[in-house]
C-alpha atoms as a PDB file:
ATOM      1  CA  MET A   1       0.776  84.790  48.126  1.00  0.00           C
ATOM      2  CA  THR A   2       2.519  85.344  44.806  1.00  0.00           C
ATOM      3  CA  GLU A   3       2.215  82.465  42.390  1.00  0.00           C
ATOM      4  CA  GLN A   4       5.630  81.162  41.381  1.00  0.00           C
ATOM      5  CA  PRO A   5       6.283  80.793  37.634  1.00  0.00           C
ATOM      6  CA  GLN A   6       6.336  77.207  36.486  1.00  0.00           C
ATOM      7  CA  PRO A   7       9.679  75.924  35.184  1.00  0.00           C
ATOM      8  CA  ARG A   8       9.712  75.655  31.421  1.00  0.00           C
ATOM      9  CA  GLU A   9       9.785  72.148  29.984  1.00  0.00           C
ATOM     10  CA  PRO A  10      13.039  71.211  28.215  1.00  0.00           C
ATOM     11  CA  PHE A  11      13.249  71.847  24.488  1.00  0.00           C
ATOM     12  CA  VAL A  12      12.733  68.475  22.802  1.00  0.00           C
ATOM     13  CA  VAL A  13      14.532  67.403  19.626  1.00  0.00           C
ATOM     14  CA  VAL A  14      12.851  64.560  17.720  1.00  0.00           C
ATOM     15  CA  ARG A  15      14.681  62.863  14.871  1.00  0.00           C
ATOM     16  CA  GLY A  16      12.470  61.784  11.996  1.00  0.00           C
ATOM     17  CA  GLU A  17      14.295  58.475  11.679  1.00  0.00           C
ATOM     18  CA  ALA A  18      13.438  57.583  15.316  1.00  0.00           C
ATOM     19  CA  PRO A  19       9.802  56.434  15.025  1.00  0.00           C
ATOM     20  CA  ALA A  20       9.578  55.487  18.707  1.00  0.00           C
ATOM     21  CA  ASP A  21       9.843  59.135  19.777  1.00  0.00           C
ATOM     22  CA  HIS A  22       6.363  60.625  19.969  1.00  0.00           C
ATOM     23  CA  ALA A  23       7.145  63.599  22.228  1.00  0.00           C
ATOM     24  CA  LEU A  24       5.934  66.135  19.650  1.00  0.00           C
ATOM     25  CA  ASP A  25       3.045  64.191  18.118  1.00  0.00           C
ATOM     26  CA  GLY A  26      -0.080  66.328  17.718  1.00  0.00           C
ATOM     27  CA  ALA A  27       1.860  69.611  17.725  1.00  0.00           C
ATOM     28  CA  VAL A  28       1.450  72.642  15.527  1.00  0.00           C
ATOM     29  CA  VAL A  29       4.582  72.758  13.355  1.00  0.00           C
ATOM     30  CA  ALA A  30       6.359  75.640  11.658  1.00  0.00           C
ATOM     31  CA  ILE A  31       8.034  74.126   8.580  1.00  0.00           C
ATOM     32  CA  GLY A  32      11.193  75.426   6.961  1.00  0.00           C
ATOM     33  CA  ASN A  33      14.940  75.152   6.545  1.00  0.00           C
ATOM     34  CA  PHE A  34      15.317  77.982   9.071  1.00  0.00           C
ATOM     35  CA  ASP A  35      18.928  78.761   8.149  1.00  0.00           C
ATOM     36  CA  GLY A  36      19.699  81.707  10.394  1.00  0.00           C
ATOM     37  CA  VAL A  37      16.320  81.661  12.197  1.00  0.00           C
ATOM     38  CA  HIS A  38      15.970  85.243  10.970  1.00  0.00           C
ATOM     39  CA  ARG A  39      13.066  87.667  11.413  1.00  0.00           C
ATOM     40  CA  GLY A  40      11.164  86.197   8.462  1.00  0.00           C
ATOM     41  CA  HIS A  41      11.449  82.717   9.973  1.00  0.00           C
ATOM     42  CA  ARG A  42      10.333  84.084  13.336  1.00  0.00           C
ATOM     43  CA  ALA A  43       7.127  85.388  11.777  1.00  0.00           C
ATOM     44  CA  VAL A  44       6.321  81.801  10.723  1.00  0.00           C
ATOM     45  CA  ILE A  45       7.251  80.535  14.194  1.00  0.00           C
ATOM     46  CA  ALA A  46       5.026  83.193  15.786  1.00  0.00           C
ATOM     47  CA  ALA A  47       2.101  81.973  13.681  1.00  0.00           C
ATOM     48  CA  ALA A  48       2.705  78.407  14.885  1.00  0.00           C
ATOM     49  CA  LEU A  49       2.908  79.549  18.504  1.00  0.00           C
ATOM     50  CA  ALA A  50      -0.346  81.489  18.202  1.00  0.00           C
ATOM     51  CA  ARG A  51      -2.169  78.574  16.578  1.00  0.00           C
ATOM     52  CA  ALA A  52      -0.803  76.136  19.171  1.00  0.00           C
ATOM     53  CA  LYS A  53      -2.004  78.372  21.998  1.00  0.00           C
ATOM     54  CA  ALA A  54      -5.463  78.618  20.434  1.00  0.00           C
ATOM     55  CA  LEU A  55      -5.661  74.836  20.091  1.00  0.00           C
ATOM     56  CA  GLY A  56      -4.040  74.000  23.413  1.00  0.00           C
ATOM     57  CA  ARG A  57      -1.252  72.079  21.640  1.00  0.00           C
ATOM     58  CA  LYS A  58       2.511  72.088  21.671  1.00  0.00           C
ATOM     59  CA  ALA A  59       4.393  74.084  19.040  1.00  0.00           C
ATOM     60  CA  ALA A  60       7.463  72.832  17.192  1.00  0.00           C
ATOM     61  CA  ALA A  61       9.707  73.592  14.252  1.00  0.00           C
ATOM     62  CA  LEU A  62       9.959  70.981  11.516  1.00  0.00           C
ATOM     63  CA  THR A  63      13.269  71.374   9.739  1.00  0.00           C
ATOM     64  CA  PHE A  64      15.691  69.479   7.522  1.00  0.00           C
ATOM     65  CA  GLU A  65      19.320  68.334   7.841  1.00  0.00           C
ATOM     66  CA  PRO A  66      21.466  68.573   5.907  1.00  0.00           C
ATOM     67  CA  HIS A  67      20.231  71.699   4.180  1.00  0.00           C
ATOM     68  CA  PRO A  68      18.418  70.509   1.016  1.00  0.00           C
ATOM     69  CA  ARG A  69      20.683  72.621  -1.183  1.00  0.00           C
ATOM     70  CA  ILE A  70      23.674  70.610   0.079  1.00  0.00           C
ATOM     71  CA  PHE A  71      21.868  67.399  -0.879  1.00  0.00           C
ATOM     72  CA  PHE A  72      20.939  68.588  -4.366  1.00  0.00           C
ATOM     73  CA  ARG A  73      24.237  70.386  -5.078  1.00  0.00           C
ATOM     74  CA  PRO A  74      26.895  68.571  -3.028  1.00  0.00           C
ATOM     75  CA  ASP A  75      29.790  70.034  -5.006  1.00  0.00           C
ATOM     76  CA  GLU A  76      28.660  73.623  -4.441  1.00  0.00           C
ATOM     77  CA  PRO A  77      29.737  75.012  -1.033  1.00  0.00           C
ATOM     78  CA  LEU A  78      26.894  76.578   0.944  1.00  0.00           C
ATOM     79  CA  PHE A  79      27.619  79.378   3.392  1.00  0.00           C
ATOM     80  CA  ARG A  80      25.246  78.334   6.153  1.00  0.00           C
ATOM     81  CA  LEU A  81      24.255  81.092   8.560  1.00  0.00           C
ATOM     82  CA  THR A  82      23.728  78.490  11.269  1.00  0.00           C
ATOM     83  CA  ASP A  83      24.873  74.920  11.516  1.00  0.00           C
ATOM     84  CA  GLU A  84      22.405  72.413  12.953  1.00  0.00           C
ATOM     85  CA  ARG A  85      23.304  72.978  16.596  1.00  0.00           C
ATOM     86  CA  ALA A  86      23.227  76.778  16.317  1.00  0.00           C
ATOM     87  CA  LYS A  87      19.879  76.590  14.562  1.00  0.00           C
ATOM     88  CA  LEU A  88      18.411  74.414  17.302  1.00  0.00           C
ATOM     89  CA  ARG A  89      19.761  76.693  20.050  1.00  0.00           C
ATOM     90  CA  LEU A  90      18.108  79.681  18.375  1.00  0.00           C
ATOM     91  CA  LEU A  91      14.846  77.787  17.914  1.00  0.00           C
ATOM     92  CA  ALA A  92      14.942  76.749  21.581  1.00  0.00           C
ATOM     93  CA  ALA A  93      14.855  80.426  22.576  1.00  0.00           C
ATOM     94  CA  THR A  94      11.719  81.291  20.571  1.00  0.00           C
ATOM     95  CA  GLY A  95       9.167  79.704  22.912  1.00  0.00           C
ATOM     96  CA  LEU A  96       8.735  76.538  20.865  1.00  0.00           C
ATOM     97  CA  ASN A  97       8.430  73.237  22.731  1.00  0.00           C
ATOM     98  CA  GLY A  98      10.812  71.456  20.419  1.00  0.00           C
ATOM     99  CA  ALA A  99      12.024  70.685  16.928  1.00  0.00           C
ATOM    100  CA  ILE A 100      11.506  67.812  14.532  1.00  0.00           C
ATOM    101  CA  VAL A 101      14.622  67.229  12.431  1.00  0.00           C
ATOM    102  CA  LEU A 102      14.048  65.238   9.239  1.00  0.00           C
ATOM    103  CA  ARG A 103      17.076  63.752   7.523  1.00  0.00           C
ATOM    104  CA  PHE A 104      17.087  65.158   4.014  1.00  0.00           C
ATOM    105  CA  ASP A 105      18.189  62.179   1.940  1.00  0.00           C
ATOM    106  CA  ALA A 106      17.171  60.516  -1.309  1.00  0.00           C
ATOM    107  CA  ALA A 107      14.131  58.924   0.298  1.00  0.00           C
ATOM    108  CA  LEU A 108      12.781  62.236   1.589  1.00  0.00           C
ATOM    109  CA  ALA A 109      13.681  64.093  -1.610  1.00  0.00           C
ATOM    110  CA  GLY A 110      11.742  61.514  -3.610  1.00  0.00           C
ATOM    111  CA  LEU A 111       8.507  61.799  -1.616  1.00  0.00           C
ATOM    112  CA  SER A 112       5.625  63.325  -3.511  1.00  0.00           C
ATOM    113  CA  ALA A 113       3.824  66.255  -1.910  1.00  0.00           C
ATOM    114  CA  GLN A 114       0.850  63.971  -1.248  1.00  0.00           C
ATOM    115  CA  ASP A 115       3.046  61.384   0.481  1.00  0.00           C
ATOM    116  CA  PHE A 116       4.827  64.049   2.537  1.00  0.00           C
ATOM    117  CA  VAL A 117       1.473  65.126   3.927  1.00  0.00           C
ATOM    118  CA  ALA A 118       0.075  61.602   4.349  1.00  0.00           C
ATOM    119  CA  ARG A 119       3.158  59.820   5.679  1.00  0.00           C
ATOM    120  CA  ILE A 120       4.980  62.518   7.623  1.00  0.00           C
ATOM    121  CA  LEU A 121       2.614  65.282   8.677  1.00  0.00           C
ATOM    122  CA  VAL A 122      -0.410  63.056   9.308  1.00  0.00           C
ATOM    123  CA  GLY A 123       0.889  59.503   9.627  1.00  0.00           C
ATOM    124  CA  ARG A 124       4.108  60.110  11.561  1.00  0.00           C
ATOM    125  CA  PHE A 125       3.402  63.244  13.590  1.00  0.00           C
ATOM    126  CA  ALA A 126      -0.416  63.685  13.524  1.00  0.00           C
ATOM    127  CA  VAL A 127       0.017  67.449  13.295  1.00  0.00           C
ATOM    128  CA  ALA A 128      -2.723  69.691  14.638  1.00  0.00           C
ATOM    129  CA  GLY A 129      -1.594  72.553  12.469  1.00  0.00           C
ATOM    130  CA  VAL A 130       1.084  73.829  10.120  1.00  0.00           C
ATOM    131  CA  ALA A 131       2.586  77.290   9.625  1.00  0.00           C
ATOM    132  CA  ILE A 132       4.610  78.036   6.481  1.00  0.00           C
ATOM    133  CA  GLY A 133       5.929  81.013   4.570  1.00  0.00           C
ATOM    134  CA  PHE A 134       4.083  82.272   1.506  1.00  0.00           C
ATOM    135  CA  ASP A 135       6.745  80.840  -0.833  1.00  0.00           C
ATOM    136  CA  PHE A 136       7.232  77.439   0.826  1.00  0.00           C
ATOM    137  CA  HIS A 137       7.128  74.471  -1.563  1.00  0.00           C
ATOM    138  CA  PHE A 138       7.700  70.823  -0.760  1.00  0.00           C
ATOM    139  CA  GLY A 139       7.676  67.315  -2.156  1.00  0.00           C
ATOM    140  CA  LEU A 140       9.136  65.872  -5.346  1.00  0.00           C
ATOM    141  CA  ASN A 141       9.847  68.638  -7.876  1.00  0.00           C
ATOM    142  CA  ARG A 142       8.544  71.141  -5.283  1.00  0.00           C
ATOM    143  CA  ALA A 143       5.039  70.279  -6.398  1.00  0.00           C
ATOM    144  CA  GLY A 144       3.476  71.043  -3.019  1.00  0.00           C
ATOM    145  CA  SER A 145       2.399  74.695  -2.813  1.00  0.00           C
ATOM    146  CA  PRO A 146       0.844  76.677   0.056  1.00  0.00           C
ATOM    147  CA  ASP A 147      -2.546  76.363  -1.650  1.00  0.00           C
ATOM    148  CA  TYR A 148      -2.114  72.605  -1.953  1.00  0.00           C
ATOM    149  CA  LEU A 149      -1.168  72.295   1.722  1.00  0.00           C
ATOM    150  CA  ALA A 150      -4.151  74.420   2.770  1.00  0.00           C
ATOM    151  CA  ALA A 151      -6.454  72.156   0.767  1.00  0.00           C
ATOM    152  CA  GLN A 152      -4.884  69.065   2.337  1.00  0.00           C
ATOM    153  CA  GLY A 153      -5.299  70.560   5.798  1.00  0.00           C
ATOM    154  CA  ALA A 154      -8.980  71.214   5.180  1.00  0.00           C
ATOM    155  CA  LYS A 155      -9.393  67.646   3.920  1.00  0.00           C
ATOM    156  CA  ARG A 156      -7.378  65.924   6.647  1.00  0.00           C
ATOM    157  CA  GLY A 157      -8.306  68.060   9.633  1.00  0.00           C
ATOM    158  CA  PHE A 158      -5.290  70.216  10.442  1.00  0.00           C
ATOM    159  CA  ALA A 159      -5.037  73.992  10.436  1.00  0.00           C
ATOM    160  CA  VAL A 160      -2.775  75.747   7.932  1.00  0.00           C
ATOM    161  CA  ASP A 161      -1.415  79.274   8.388  1.00  0.00           C
ATOM    162  CA  VAL A 162       0.381  80.835   5.422  1.00  0.00           C
ATOM    163  CA  VAL A 163       2.523  83.785   6.521  1.00  0.00           C
ATOM    164  CA  PRO A 164       2.961  86.628   4.019  1.00  0.00           C
ATOM    165  CA  ARG A 165       6.330  87.986   2.905  1.00  0.00           C
ATOM    166  CA  PHE A 166       8.227  89.596   5.786  1.00  0.00           C
ATOM    167  CA  GLU A 167      10.001  92.777   4.722  1.00  0.00           C
ATOM    168  CA  ASP A 168      12.555  95.173   6.157  1.00  0.00           C
ATOM    169  CA  ALA A 169      13.023  98.612   4.563  1.00  0.00           C
ATOM    170  CA  GLY A 170      10.961  97.443   1.603  1.00  0.00           C
ATOM    171  CA  GLY A 171      12.982  94.306   0.890  1.00  0.00           C
ATOM    172  CA  PRO A 172      12.267  90.694   1.794  1.00  0.00           C
ATOM    173  CA  VAL A 173      14.074  89.212   4.790  1.00  0.00           C
ATOM    174  CA  ARG A 174      15.678  86.044   3.424  1.00  0.00           C
ATOM    175  CA  SER A 175      18.812  84.037   4.098  1.00  0.00           C
ATOM    176  CA  GLY A 176      20.409  84.979   0.746  1.00  0.00           C
ATOM    177  CA  PRO A 177      20.672  88.739   1.386  1.00  0.00           C
ATOM    178  CA  ILE A 178      22.017  88.039   4.880  1.00  0.00           C
ATOM    179  CA  ARG A 179      24.758  85.837   3.462  1.00  0.00           C
ATOM    180  CA  ALA A 180      25.553  88.549   0.919  1.00  0.00           C
ATOM    181  CA  ALA A 181      25.776  91.198   3.653  1.00  0.00           C
ATOM    182  CA  LEU A 182      28.197  89.094   5.711  1.00  0.00           C
ATOM    183  CA  ALA A 183      30.268  88.344   2.597  1.00  0.00           C
ATOM    184  CA  ALA A 184      30.638  92.115   2.116  1.00  0.00           C
ATOM    185  CA  GLY A 185      31.474  92.780   5.773  1.00  0.00           C
ATOM    186  CA  ARG A 186      28.168  94.585   6.331  1.00  0.00           C
ATOM    187  CA  VAL A 187      27.651  93.080   9.776  1.00  0.00           C
ATOM    188  CA  ALA A 188      25.185  95.706  10.996  1.00  0.00           C
ATOM    189  CA  GLN A 189      22.937  95.092   7.982  1.00  0.00           C
ATOM    190  CA  ALA A 190      23.082  91.319   8.459  1.00  0.00           C
ATOM    191  CA  ASN A 191      22.268  91.651  12.144  1.00  0.00           C
ATOM    192  CA  GLU A 192      19.326  93.939  11.395  1.00  0.00           C
ATOM    193  CA  LEU A 193      17.844  91.320   9.052  1.00  0.00           C
ATOM    194  CA  LEU A 194      18.564  88.471  11.463  1.00  0.00           C
ATOM    195  CA  GLY A 195      17.162  90.263  14.501  1.00  0.00           C
ATOM    196  CA  TYR A 196      20.238  89.367  16.575  1.00  0.00           C
ATOM    197  CA  PRO A 197      24.045  89.463  16.160  1.00  0.00           C
ATOM    198  CA  TRP A 198      25.257  86.755  13.804  1.00  0.00           C
ATOM    199  CA  PHE A 199      27.433  84.268  15.638  1.00  0.00           C
ATOM    200  CA  VAL A 200      29.572  81.185  15.209  1.00  0.00           C
ATOM    201  CA  SER A 201      30.435  78.419  17.673  1.00  0.00           C
ATOM    202  CA  ALA A 202      33.614  76.390  17.522  1.00  0.00           C
ATOM    203  CA  GLU A 203      36.247  74.710  19.633  1.00  0.00           C
ATOM    204  CA  VAL A 204      39.310  76.721  20.634  1.00  0.00           C
ATOM    205  CA  VAL A 205      42.366  75.124  19.030  1.00  0.00           C
ATOM    206  CA  HIS A 206      46.109  75.684  19.348  1.00  0.00           C
ATOM    207  CA  GLY A 207      47.616  78.250  17.013  1.00  0.00           C
ATOM    208  CA  ASP A 208      51.179  79.416  16.392  1.00  0.00           C
ATOM    209  CA  LYS A 209      51.156  81.547  19.599  1.00  0.00           C
ATOM    210  CA  ARG A 210      52.257  84.601  17.601  1.00  0.00           C
ATOM    211  CA  GLY A 211      49.478  86.734  19.051  1.00  0.00           C
ATOM    212  CA  ARG A 212      50.847  86.125  22.526  1.00  0.00           C
ATOM    213  CA  GLU A 213      54.249  87.397  21.407  1.00  0.00           C
ATOM    214  CA  LEU A 214      52.591  90.575  20.097  1.00  0.00           C
ATOM    215  CA  GLY A 215      50.706  91.195  23.339  1.00  0.00           C
ATOM    216  CA  TYR A 216      47.404  89.908  21.953  1.00  0.00           C
ATOM    217  CA  PRO A 217      46.935  86.255  22.953  1.00  0.00           C
ATOM    218  CA  THR A 218      44.043  84.903  20.918  1.00  0.00           C
ATOM    219  CA  ALA A 219      41.544  82.082  21.028  1.00  0.00           C
ATOM    220  CA  ASN A 220      41.787  80.427  17.618  1.00  0.00           C
ATOM    221  CA  LEU A 221      38.814  78.795  15.906  1.00  0.00           C
ATOM    222  CA  ARG A 222      38.552  76.929  12.617  1.00  0.00           C
ATOM    223  CA  LEU A 223      35.235  77.658  10.932  1.00  0.00           C
ATOM    224  CA  ASP A 224      33.460  75.692   8.227  1.00  0.00           C
ATOM    225  CA  PRO A 225      35.486  76.072   4.989  1.00  0.00           C
ATOM    226  CA  ALA A 226      32.261  77.225   3.306  1.00  0.00           C
ATOM    227  CA  CYS A 227      31.976  80.207   5.675  1.00  0.00           C
ATOM    228  CA  GLY A 228      31.650  83.226   3.406  1.00  0.00           C
ATOM    229  CA  LEU A 229      32.280  85.957   5.973  1.00  0.00           C
ATOM    230  CA  LYS A 230      34.468  88.749   4.592  1.00  0.00           C
ATOM    231  CA  HIS A 231      38.062  88.530   5.797  1.00  0.00           C
ATOM    232  CA  GLY A 232      38.835  91.379   8.146  1.00  0.00           C
ATOM    233  CA  ILE A 233      38.770  92.730  11.690  1.00  0.00           C
ATOM    234  CA  TYR A 234      35.576  92.777  13.770  1.00  0.00           C
ATOM    235  CA  ALA A 235      34.268  93.922  17.128  1.00  0.00           C
ATOM    236  CA  VAL A 236      32.891  90.798  18.778  1.00  0.00           C
ATOM    237  CA  ARG A 237      31.202  89.604  21.951  1.00  0.00           C
ATOM    238  CA  VAL A 238      32.193  86.174  23.174  1.00  0.00           C
ATOM    239  CA  GLY A 239      30.170  83.652  25.163  1.00  0.00           C
ATOM    240  CA  VAL A 240      32.154  81.277  27.348  1.00  0.00           C
ATOM    241  CA  GLY A 241      29.469  79.204  29.024  1.00  0.00           C
ATOM    242  CA  GLU A 242      27.230  81.781  30.738  1.00  0.00           C
ATOM    243  CA  ARG A 243      29.960  84.440  30.847  1.00  0.00           C
ATOM    244  CA  ARG A 244      30.271  87.233  28.280  1.00  0.00           C
ATOM    245  CA  TYR A 245      33.413  89.044  27.189  1.00  0.00           C
ATOM    246  CA  ASP A 246      34.000  91.877  24.748  1.00  0.00           C
ATOM    247  CA  GLY A 247      36.734  91.407  22.210  1.00  0.00           C
ATOM    248  CA  VAL A 248      38.248  92.056  18.813  1.00  0.00           C
ATOM    249  CA  ALA A 249      38.677  89.354  16.175  1.00  0.00           C
ATOM    250  CA  SER A 250      40.528  88.753  12.945  1.00  0.00           C
ATOM    251  CA  PHE A 251      39.066  86.407  10.343  1.00  0.00           C
ATOM    252  CA  GLY A 252      41.218  85.417   7.412  1.00  0.00           C
ATOM    253  CA  ARG A 253      44.714  84.357   6.404  1.00  0.00           C
ATOM    254  CA  ARG A 254      46.774  86.929   8.378  1.00  0.00           C
ATOM    255  CA  PRO A 255      48.656  88.650   5.530  1.00  0.00           C
ATOM    256  CA  MET A 256      51.740  89.342   7.679  1.00  0.00           C
ATOM    257  CA  PHE A 257      52.181  85.658   8.538  1.00  0.00           C
ATOM    258  CA  ASP A 258      50.125  83.855   5.908  1.00  0.00           C
ATOM    259  CA  GLN A 259      50.384  80.088   6.246  1.00  0.00           C
ATOM    260  CA  GLY A 260      47.431  79.375   3.983  1.00  0.00           C
ATOM    261  CA  THR A 261      45.012  78.570   6.799  1.00  0.00           C
ATOM    262  CA  VAL A 262      41.865  80.605   7.354  1.00  0.00           C
ATOM    263  CA  LEU A 263      41.370  81.192  11.080  1.00  0.00           C
ATOM    264  CA  LEU A 264      39.141  83.193  13.358  1.00  0.00           C
ATOM    265  CA  GLU A 265      41.454  84.687  15.999  1.00  0.00           C
ATOM    266  CA  VAL A 266      39.696  86.289  18.946  1.00  0.00           C
ATOM    267  CA  PHE A 267      41.292  88.510  21.576  1.00  0.00           C
ATOM    268  CA  LEU A 268      39.096  88.748  24.673  1.00  0.00           C
ATOM    269  CA  PHE A 269      39.356  91.997  26.620  1.00  0.00           C
ATOM    270  CA  ASP A 270      39.904  91.752  30.371  1.00  0.00           C
ATOM    271  CA  PHE A 271      40.284  87.971  30.301  1.00  0.00           C
ATOM    272  CA  SER A 272      42.978  85.640  31.510  1.00  0.00           C
ATOM    273  CA  GLY A 273      42.772  81.884  31.387  1.00  0.00           C
ATOM    274  CA  ASP A 274      43.007  78.819  29.186  1.00  0.00           C
ATOM    275  CA  LEU A 275      40.217  78.188  26.681  1.00  0.00           C
ATOM    276  CA  TYR A 276      41.813  75.336  24.731  1.00  0.00           C
ATOM    277  CA  GLY A 277      39.289  72.616  23.996  1.00  0.00           C
ATOM    278  CA  GLU A 278      36.275  74.734  24.977  1.00  0.00           C
ATOM    279  CA  VAL A 279      33.476  75.497  22.534  1.00  0.00           C
ATOM    280  CA  ILE A 280      32.778  79.223  22.590  1.00  0.00           C
ATOM    281  CA  ASP A 281      30.258  81.489  20.869  1.00  0.00           C
ATOM    282  CA  VAL A 282      31.545  84.509  18.950  1.00  0.00           C
ATOM    283  CA  ALA A 283      28.948  87.144  18.033  1.00  0.00           C
ATOM    284  CA  PHE A 284      29.907  89.718  15.391  1.00  0.00           C
ATOM    285  CA  ILE A 285      28.846  93.209  16.444  1.00  0.00           C
ATOM    286  CA  ASP A 286      30.612  95.540  14.025  1.00  0.00           C
ATOM    287  CA  TRP A 287      33.087  95.697  11.145  1.00  0.00           C
ATOM    288  CA  ILE A 288      36.361  97.534  11.731  1.00  0.00           C
ATOM    289  CA  ARG A 289      38.565  97.118   8.644  1.00  0.00           C
ATOM    290  CA  PRO A 290      39.743  94.689   5.953  1.00  0.00           C
ATOM    291  CA  GLU A 291      42.875  92.582   6.297  1.00  0.00           C
ATOM    292  CA  LEU A 292      46.040  94.579   5.655  1.00  0.00           C
ATOM    293  CA  LYS A 293      49.725  93.779   5.247  1.00  0.00           C
ATOM    294  CA  PHE A 294      52.006  96.099   7.210  1.00  0.00           C
ATOM    295  CA  ASP A 295      55.607  97.102   6.587  1.00  0.00           C
ATOM    296  CA  SER A 296      56.714  96.014  10.035  1.00  0.00           C
ATOM    297  CA  VAL A 297      55.560  94.170  13.129  1.00  0.00           C
ATOM    298  CA  GLU A 298      55.636  97.499  14.979  1.00  0.00           C
ATOM    299  CA  ASP A 299      53.176  98.993  12.484  1.00  0.00           C
ATOM    300  CA  LEU A 300      50.973  95.932  12.900  1.00  0.00           C
ATOM    301  CA  VAL A 301      50.923  96.252  16.692  1.00  0.00           C
ATOM    302  CA  ARG A 302      50.091  99.963  16.464  1.00  0.00           C
ATOM    303  CA  ARG A 303      47.163  99.114  14.201  1.00  0.00           C
ATOM    304  CA  MET A 304      46.049  96.300  16.530  1.00  0.00           C
ATOM    305  CA  ASN A 305      45.978  98.792  19.396  1.00  0.00           C
ATOM    306  CA  GLU A 306      43.753 101.048  17.295  1.00  0.00           C
ATOM    307  CA  ASP A 307      41.554  98.091  16.318  1.00  0.00           C
ATOM    308  CA  ALA A 308      41.066  97.254  20.003  1.00  0.00           C
ATOM    309  CA  ARG A 309      40.138 100.873  20.763  1.00  0.00           C
ATOM    310  CA  LEU A 310      37.581 100.951  17.953  1.00  0.00           C
ATOM    311  CA  ALA A 311      36.164  97.585  19.022  1.00  0.00           C
ATOM    312  CA  ARG A 312      35.717  98.758  22.615  1.00  0.00           C
ATOM    313  CA  ALA A 313      33.875 101.849  21.364  1.00  0.00           C
ATOM    314  CA  ALA A 314      31.575  99.803  19.124  1.00  0.00           C
ATOM    315  CA  LEU A 315      30.792  97.340  21.914  1.00  0.00           C
ATOM    316  CA  ALA A 316      30.150 100.126  24.423  1.00  0.00           C
ATOM    317  CA  ALA A 317      27.467 101.386  22.034  1.00  0.00           C
ATOM    318  CA  ALA A 318      25.861  97.900  21.972  1.00  0.00           C
ATOM    319  CA  PRO A 319      26.017  96.799  25.624  1.00  0.00           C
ATOM    320  CA  ASP A 320      23.428  94.022  25.451  1.00  0.00           C
ATOM    321  CA  ALA A 321      24.019  92.740  21.918  1.00  0.00           C
ATOM    322  CA  PHE A 322      24.193  88.940  21.965  1.00  0.00           C
ATOM    323  CA  PRO A 323      21.972  86.257  20.440  1.00  0.00           C
ATOM    324  CA  LYS A 324      19.303  84.764  22.678  1.00  0.00           C
ATOM    325  CA  LEU A 325      20.113  81.060  22.788  1.00  0.00           C
ATOM    326  CA  GLY A 326      18.247  78.183  24.388  1.00  0.00           C
ATOM    327  CA  SER A 327      19.527  74.888  25.726  1.00  0.00           C
ATOM    328  CA  ILE A 328      19.278  71.631  23.809  1.00  0.00           C
ATOM    329  CA  SER A 329      20.260  68.155  24.864  1.00  0.00           C
ATOM    330  CA  GLY A 330      22.952  66.204  23.060  1.00  0.00           C
END
């Protein structure tokens, strides 16, 4: 008789400000901002998973919201690769049991490295182990180094794994270069560093219906104003619940009909229906061209037809490209 696989336990999200929630106490935690949950982050997560398996403990990510850079520099827009929900959905697909989300506020920013270890890692969550990147620093004035954390672990009885620099083609895999690649329209490069197609999630809103008049009815999404993606035309794959659709998308101000609003307009191939009010996922597979202003609507439509052809070709060459996302509650 074949043994049936056991259903996986739900991915648990514990908020640091909710002291009654002890679902992830005693876990091995991978600590980081995890913006993008890219391949470098996944190396740290893999170390936590391996240590948790060796110890017979749960494994979790310990992360911060809002992003600390937003706290320290509130007037400086930050192009986040993943908002909180996207980050948690990506983390939920890595094999972790859950995530601990600490509110990054003045109280947390003011904790010394010693107090972060004593009050949060040991006192609040009784961690069995910690995995961090080689350059991770924490506590007031970033005084807590990997060496300091390793010494604290040896003193207080929890394992510490420090993961070396993760590189691709000789360069470090970090969130900054990924943001820079997306800002330049180099989607393939960004996706290579991420390890999956970069995606956004947003609610479909009403637009001016001009796409419908041109034969290209679009699902319109308003992204975070800090989104630094290069304006242009992209081949995309769209998730509507569990269904997947190929498509072509325009991100920008629409030079032919500029009304000053930056929109992501997505045309789904082989789809008919009403998506208004639904939250959909749009994964960027390939770059097609920058925004252009045409001499006539007819020229625009001819170019849109060509854009759709190029998008179909790019998507046919990447039949399974879509981020692996897990389910989270709330």
